[in-house]
Structure formats: structure tokens, C-alpha cells
Amino acid sequence: MVEKRLTRTARTLRSAMTEPEKLVWSRLRGGQIEGAKFVRQFPIGNAVADFACRNARLVIELDGGQHSRSATDAARTRMIEAHGYTVVRFWNNDAIENIEGVLETIAAQLAIARNR
């Protein structure tokens, strides 16, 4: 059963977040950006998104160097977008070195989503 497998995977990922994910989550949780409610490790289709704002249909993905020009990531993005979400990707080092810029980009994407 795909749904149950993804739910188990999401739970495991929540307890094993990377440092960049922890940093971004600490700034997304509790409606800190534009009052938007984000969830972490959210199953969508056959993937688990790092963060999602269901109301705005916005997914935030953090990628390490192993994701550089990944065909798998491109396919994941298309699949998530097919479920009606906009996907915004950031490199892990952007989250660590430029968290304010990452948060500004997320806020801008939330504003765009509200105007759709």
C-alpha cells in the first residue's frame, strides 16, 4: 500500500531531519511567514516533500550537492506539480548561508500563490 509506506517514510524523515531542514523548519513553523501554515515531510503522490503549505499549494525542497542536475528531482518536481503544487528548490548551503534570502523568496512565492 503506497499511502501507508509513504506515511511511515514521512515519519522516519521527520525524526531524521538534516541541519538545513531543521533551520528552515524553525523559521517556517507556527505561521512565522505571512501566517502560512507549513507541514514537514508531507506525502504528495509517490513522493515526500520536505515542506508544504497546503493552502497555498506550495512545496519547499532543500537539496544537497548529490541533487545537482538530477533527472530524478526533475521528475519529482513534475509529479508534485501535477498534483497542483508549485515547487521551489533551494540548495542546503543557501539555507545555511542565506536563510533570510530563502525566507524572502518563500514569502514572495506565498504572495504569488494568494493572487492566483
N, C-alpha and C. Protein backbone atom coordinates (compact mmCIF):
# COMPACT_ATOMS: atom_id res chain seq x y z
N MET A 1 0.83 -1.19 0.00
CA MET A 1 0.00 0.00 0.00
C MET A 1 0.88 1.25 0.00
N VAL A 2 0.83 2.02 -1.05
CA VAL A 2 1.71 3.17 -1.21
C VAL A 2 1.49 4.19 -0.11
N GLU A 3 0.24 4.51 0.21
CA GLU A 3 -0.05 5.53 1.20
C GLU A 3 0.58 5.22 2.55
N LYS A 4 0.40 4.00 3.03
CA LYS A 4 0.96 3.62 4.33
C LYS A 4 2.48 3.65 4.29
N ARG A 5 3.07 3.21 3.18
CA ARG A 5 4.52 3.22 3.06
C ARG A 5 5.05 4.65 3.13
N LEU A 6 4.39 5.56 2.42
CA LEU A 6 4.82 6.96 2.43
C LEU A 6 4.62 7.60 3.80
N THR A 7 3.56 7.24 4.49
CA THR A 7 3.34 7.78 5.83
C THR A 7 4.46 7.34 6.76
N ARG A 8 4.85 6.07 6.68
CA ARG A 8 5.96 5.58 7.51
C ARG A 8 7.26 6.30 7.12
N THR A 9 7.49 6.46 5.84
CA THR A 9 8.69 7.14 5.37
C THR A 9 8.71 8.58 5.88
N ALA A 10 7.58 9.27 5.79
CA ALA A 10 7.49 10.66 6.25
C ALA A 10 7.80 10.75 7.74
N ARG A 11 7.27 9.84 8.53
CA ARG A 11 7.54 9.84 9.98
C ARG A 11 9.03 9.65 10.25
N THR A 12 9.64 8.74 9.52
CA THR A 12 11.08 8.49 9.69
C THR A 12 11.88 9.73 9.32
N LEU A 13 11.52 10.37 8.21
CA LEU A 13 12.23 11.57 7.77
C LEU A 13 12.08 12.72 8.75
N ARG A 14 10.91 12.83 9.39
CA ARG A 14 10.70 13.90 10.37
C ARG A 14 11.66 13.76 11.55
N SER A 15 11.96 12.53 11.92
CA SER A 15 12.84 12.33 13.07
C SER A 15 14.32 12.36 12.68
N ALA A 16 14.61 12.43 11.38
CA ALA A 16 16.00 12.43 10.92
C ALA A 16 16.28 13.61 10.01
N MET A 17 15.76 14.78 10.37
CA MET A 17 15.94 15.97 9.54
C MET A 17 17.41 16.39 9.50
N THR A 18 17.83 16.91 8.34
CA THR A 18 19.18 17.44 8.21
C THR A 18 19.26 18.79 8.92
N GLU A 19 20.47 19.26 9.15
CA GLU A 19 20.63 20.57 9.79
C GLU A 19 19.98 21.69 8.97
N PRO A 20 20.16 21.73 7.63
CA PRO A 20 19.46 22.78 6.87
C PRO A 20 17.94 22.67 7.00
N GLU A 21 17.40 21.44 7.01
CA GLU A 21 15.95 21.27 7.17
C GLU A 21 15.51 21.77 8.54
N LYS A 22 16.27 21.48 9.57
CA LYS A 22 15.93 21.95 10.92
C LYS A 22 15.91 23.48 10.97
N LEU A 23 16.90 24.09 10.32
CA LEU A 23 16.98 25.55 10.31
C LEU A 23 15.77 26.16 9.60
N VAL A 24 15.45 25.66 8.42
CA VAL A 24 14.30 26.19 7.68
C VAL A 24 13.01 25.92 8.45
N TRP A 25 12.86 24.73 8.99
CA TRP A 25 11.64 24.38 9.73
C TRP A 25 11.45 25.31 10.93
N SER A 26 12.55 25.65 11.60
CA SER A 26 12.43 26.54 12.77
C SER A 26 11.88 27.90 12.39
N ARG A 27 12.03 28.28 11.11
CA ARG A 27 11.55 29.58 10.64
C ARG A 27 10.20 29.49 9.91
N LEU A 28 9.79 28.29 9.51
CA LEU A 28 8.51 28.11 8.82
C LEU A 28 7.38 27.78 9.79
N ARG A 29 7.70 27.03 10.81
CA ARG A 29 6.66 26.51 11.70
C ARG A 29 5.91 27.62 12.41
N GLY A 30 4.69 27.33 12.75
CA GLY A 30 3.88 28.26 13.52
C GLY A 30 3.46 29.51 12.78
N GLY A 31 3.40 29.47 11.46
CA GLY A 31 2.89 30.61 10.70
C GLY A 31 3.78 31.83 10.73
N GLN A 32 5.09 31.64 10.90
CA GLN A 32 6.02 32.77 11.01
C GLN A 32 6.17 33.57 9.72
N ILE A 33 5.88 32.96 8.58
CA ILE A 33 5.99 33.67 7.31
C ILE A 33 4.59 33.89 6.76
N GLU A 34 4.17 35.14 6.75
CA GLU A 34 2.88 35.52 6.18
C GLU A 34 1.71 34.75 6.80
N GLY A 35 1.89 34.22 8.00
CA GLY A 35 0.83 33.46 8.66
C GLY A 35 0.53 32.11 8.03
N ALA A 36 1.38 31.69 7.08
CA ALA A 36 1.15 30.44 6.35
C ALA A 36 1.50 29.23 7.23
N LYS A 37 0.65 28.24 7.17
CA LYS A 37 0.89 27.01 7.93
C LYS A 37 1.59 26.01 7.02
N PHE A 38 2.80 25.65 7.41
CA PHE A 38 3.57 24.64 6.70
C PHE A 38 3.57 23.34 7.48
N VAL A 39 3.68 22.25 6.77
CA VAL A 39 3.89 20.94 7.37
C VAL A 39 5.21 20.42 6.81
N ARG A 40 5.82 19.49 7.53
CA ARG A 40 7.09 18.95 7.06
C ARG A 40 6.94 17.50 6.67
N GLN A 41 7.77 17.07 5.73
CA GLN A 41 7.77 15.70 5.24
C GLN A 41 6.35 15.26 4.90
N PHE A 42 5.79 15.91 3.89
CA PHE A 42 4.39 15.75 3.50
C PHE A 42 4.28 14.87 2.26
N PRO A 43 3.60 13.71 2.36
CA PRO A 43 3.43 12.84 1.18
C PRO A 43 2.54 13.50 0.12
N ILE A 44 3.06 13.52 -1.12
CA ILE A 44 2.30 14.00 -2.27
C ILE A 44 2.55 13.01 -3.39
N GLY A 45 1.50 12.41 -3.90
CA GLY A 45 1.69 11.40 -4.94
C GLY A 45 2.57 10.28 -4.42
N ASN A 46 3.65 9.99 -5.15
CA ASN A 46 4.55 8.93 -4.70
C ASN A 46 5.85 9.49 -4.14
N ALA A 47 5.81 10.74 -3.66
CA ALA A 47 6.99 11.39 -3.09
C ALA A 47 6.65 11.98 -1.73
N VAL A 48 7.69 12.34 -1.01
CA VAL A 48 7.52 13.05 0.26
C VAL A 48 8.23 14.38 0.13
N ALA A 49 7.45 15.47 0.18
CA ALA A 49 8.01 16.82 0.05
C ALA A 49 8.62 17.24 1.39
N ASP A 50 9.72 17.99 1.33
CA ASP A 50 10.36 18.46 2.56
C ASP A 50 9.39 19.31 3.38
N PHE A 51 8.82 20.33 2.76
CA PHE A 51 7.86 21.22 3.43
C PHE A 51 6.75 21.56 2.46
N ALA A 52 5.53 21.71 2.98
CA ALA A 52 4.41 22.08 2.12
C ALA A 52 3.46 23.00 2.86
N CYS A 53 2.98 24.00 2.14
CA CYS A 53 1.88 24.83 2.61
C CYS A 53 0.69 24.40 1.77
N ARG A 54 -0.19 23.63 2.38
CA ARG A 54 -1.31 23.06 1.62
C ARG A 54 -2.25 24.13 1.11
N ASN A 55 -2.53 25.16 1.90
CA ASN A 55 -3.45 26.21 1.45
C ASN A 55 -2.93 26.95 0.24
N ALA A 56 -1.63 27.23 0.21
CA ALA A 56 -1.04 27.96 -0.91
C ALA A 56 -0.59 27.03 -2.03
N ARG A 57 -0.66 25.71 -1.79
CA ARG A 57 -0.22 24.71 -2.77
C ARG A 57 1.24 24.97 -3.15
N LEU A 58 2.07 25.17 -2.10
CA LEU A 58 3.48 25.48 -2.29
C LEU A 58 4.33 24.43 -1.58
N VAL A 59 5.31 23.91 -2.30
CA VAL A 59 6.25 22.93 -1.75
C VAL A 59 7.64 23.55 -1.74
N ILE A 60 8.35 23.37 -0.63
CA ILE A 60 9.72 23.82 -0.49
C ILE A 60 10.60 22.57 -0.39
N GLU A 61 11.59 22.48 -1.25
CA GLU A 61 12.52 21.35 -1.25
C GLU A 61 13.93 21.89 -0.98
N LEU A 62 14.66 21.19 -0.12
CA LEU A 62 16.06 21.51 0.14
C LEU A 62 16.90 20.39 -0.44
N ASP A 63 17.91 20.77 -1.20
CA ASP A 63 18.73 19.79 -1.90
C ASP A 63 20.19 19.93 -1.54
N GLY A 64 20.84 18.78 -1.37
CA GLY A 64 22.29 18.75 -1.18
C GLY A 64 22.97 18.63 -2.53
N GLY A 65 24.28 18.59 -2.51
CA GLY A 65 25.07 18.51 -3.73
C GLY A 65 24.78 17.29 -4.58
N GLN A 66 24.32 16.21 -3.96
CA GLN A 66 24.02 14.99 -4.71
C GLN A 66 22.85 15.18 -5.66
N HIS A 67 22.11 16.27 -5.51
CA HIS A 67 20.94 16.52 -6.35
C HIS A 67 21.27 17.37 -7.58
N SER A 68 22.52 17.74 -7.74
CA SER A 68 22.90 18.62 -8.83
C SER A 68 22.48 18.04 -10.19
N ARG A 69 21.60 18.78 -10.86
CA ARG A 69 21.09 18.40 -12.18
C ARG A 69 20.54 16.98 -12.22
N SER A 70 19.81 16.64 -11.22
CA SER A 70 19.26 15.28 -11.10
C SER A 70 17.99 15.12 -11.93
N ALA A 71 18.00 14.12 -12.81
CA ALA A 71 16.80 13.80 -13.59
C ALA A 71 15.69 13.32 -12.67
N THR A 72 16.07 12.65 -11.59
CA THR A 72 15.08 12.17 -10.62
C THR A 72 14.36 13.34 -9.96
N ASP A 73 15.10 14.39 -9.59
CA ASP A 73 14.48 15.57 -8.99
C ASP A 73 13.56 16.28 -9.97
N ALA A 74 13.96 16.34 -11.21
CA ALA A 74 13.11 16.97 -12.23
C ALA A 74 11.80 16.19 -12.38
N ALA A 75 11.88 14.88 -12.36
CA ALA A 75 10.68 14.05 -12.45
C ALA A 75 9.81 14.22 -11.21
N ARG A 76 10.44 14.30 -10.04
CA ARG A 76 9.69 14.53 -8.78
C ARG A 76 8.96 15.86 -8.84
N THR A 77 9.67 16.89 -9.31
CA THR A 77 9.05 18.21 -9.41
C THR A 77 7.83 18.17 -10.33
N ARG A 78 7.97 17.54 -11.49
CA ARG A 78 6.83 17.44 -12.42
C ARG A 78 5.66 16.69 -11.78
N MET A 79 5.95 15.62 -11.05
CA MET A 79 4.89 14.84 -10.41
C MET A 79 4.18 15.67 -9.34
N ILE A 80 4.95 16.38 -8.51
CA ILE A 80 4.35 17.22 -7.46
C ILE A 80 3.53 18.33 -8.11
N GLU A 81 4.05 18.94 -9.17
CA GLU A 81 3.31 19.99 -9.87
C GLU A 81 2.03 19.44 -10.49
N ALA A 82 2.04 18.19 -10.92
CA ALA A 82 0.84 17.56 -11.47
C ALA A 82 -0.25 17.44 -10.42
N HIS A 83 0.13 17.47 -9.15
CA HIS A 83 -0.84 17.45 -8.05
C HIS A 83 -1.26 18.86 -7.63
N GLY A 84 -0.89 19.85 -8.44
CA GLY A 84 -1.35 21.22 -8.21
C GLY A 84 -0.47 22.07 -7.33
N TYR A 85 0.74 21.64 -7.05
CA TYR A 85 1.65 22.40 -6.19
C TYR A 85 2.71 23.11 -7.03
N THR A 86 3.17 24.24 -6.53
CA THR A 86 4.35 24.91 -7.07
C THR A 86 5.53 24.44 -6.23
N VAL A 87 6.63 24.08 -6.88
CA VAL A 87 7.81 23.60 -6.18
C VAL A 87 8.91 24.64 -6.25
N VAL A 88 9.47 24.99 -5.10
CA VAL A 88 10.60 25.90 -5.02
C VAL A 88 11.73 25.13 -4.35
N ARG A 89 12.87 25.08 -5.05
CA ARG A 89 14.04 24.34 -4.55
C ARG A 89 15.15 25.30 -4.11
N PHE A 90 15.78 24.93 -3.01
CA PHE A 90 16.94 25.66 -2.51
C PHE A 90 18.05 24.66 -2.24
N TRP A 91 19.28 25.11 -2.39
CA TRP A 91 20.42 24.29 -2.00
C TRP A 91 20.56 24.36 -0.49
N ASN A 92 21.03 23.28 0.11
CA ASN A 92 21.26 23.25 1.55
C ASN A 92 22.14 24.41 2.00
N ASN A 93 23.22 24.70 1.24
CA ASN A 93 24.11 25.77 1.67
C ASN A 93 23.43 27.14 1.61
N ASP A 94 22.43 27.32 0.74
CA ASP A 94 21.66 28.57 0.75
C ASP A 94 20.89 28.72 2.06
N ALA A 95 20.32 27.62 2.52
CA ALA A 95 19.58 27.65 3.79
C ALA A 95 20.50 28.02 4.94
N ILE A 96 21.72 27.54 4.90
CA ILE A 96 22.66 27.79 5.99
C ILE A 96 23.28 29.19 5.88
N GLU A 97 23.70 29.56 4.68
CA GLU A 97 24.45 30.81 4.50
C GLU A 97 23.58 32.02 4.21
N ASN A 98 22.34 31.80 3.75
CA ASN A 98 21.49 32.93 3.36
C ASN A 98 20.03 32.65 3.73
N ILE A 99 19.79 32.33 4.98
CA ILE A 99 18.44 31.96 5.40
C ILE A 99 17.45 33.10 5.16
N GLU A 100 17.87 34.34 5.33
CA GLU A 100 16.96 35.47 5.12
C GLU A 100 16.53 35.56 3.65
N GLY A 101 17.45 35.31 2.74
CA GLY A 101 17.11 35.31 1.32
C GLY A 101 16.15 34.18 0.97
N VAL A 102 16.38 33.02 1.56
CA VAL A 102 15.48 31.88 1.36
C VAL A 102 14.08 32.24 1.85
N LEU A 103 14.00 32.82 3.04
CA LEU A 103 12.69 33.18 3.61
C LEU A 103 11.99 34.26 2.79
N GLU A 104 12.75 35.21 2.26
CA GLU A 104 12.17 36.25 1.40
C GLU A 104 11.58 35.63 0.13
N THR A 105 12.29 34.68 -0.44
CA THR A 105 11.80 34.00 -1.65
C THR A 105 10.52 33.22 -1.33
N ILE A 106 10.49 32.56 -0.19
CA ILE A 106 9.29 31.82 0.21
C ILE A 106 8.12 32.78 0.40
N ALA A 107 8.36 33.91 1.06
CA ALA A 107 7.30 34.90 1.27
C ALA A 107 6.78 35.42 -0.06
N ALA A 108 7.67 35.65 -1.01
CA ALA A 108 7.25 36.12 -2.34
C ALA A 108 6.41 35.06 -3.04
N GLN A 109 6.78 33.80 -2.92
CA GLN A 109 6.01 32.72 -3.53
C GLN A 109 4.64 32.58 -2.88
N LEU A 110 4.56 32.80 -1.58
CA LEU A 110 3.26 32.78 -0.90
C LEU A 110 2.37 33.90 -1.42
N ALA A 111 2.94 35.09 -1.63
CA ALA A 111 2.17 36.22 -2.16
C ALA A 111 1.65 35.91 -3.55
N ILE A 112 2.49 35.29 -4.38
CA ILE A 112 2.05 34.90 -5.73
C ILE A 112 0.91 33.89 -5.65
N ALA A 113 1.04 32.93 -4.76
CA ALA A 113 0.00 31.90 -4.61
C ALA A 113 -1.32 32.50 -4.17
N ARG A 114 -1.27 33.50 -3.32
CA ARG A 114 -2.52 34.13 -2.84
C ARG A 114 -3.22 34.92 -3.94
N ASN A 115 -2.45 35.37 -4.92
CA ASN A 115 -3.03 36.17 -6.01
C ASN A 115 -3.47 35.33 -7.19
N ARG A 116 -3.34 34.02 -7.10
CA ARG A 116 -3.79 33.15 -8.20
C ARG A 116 -5.27 33.00 -8.19
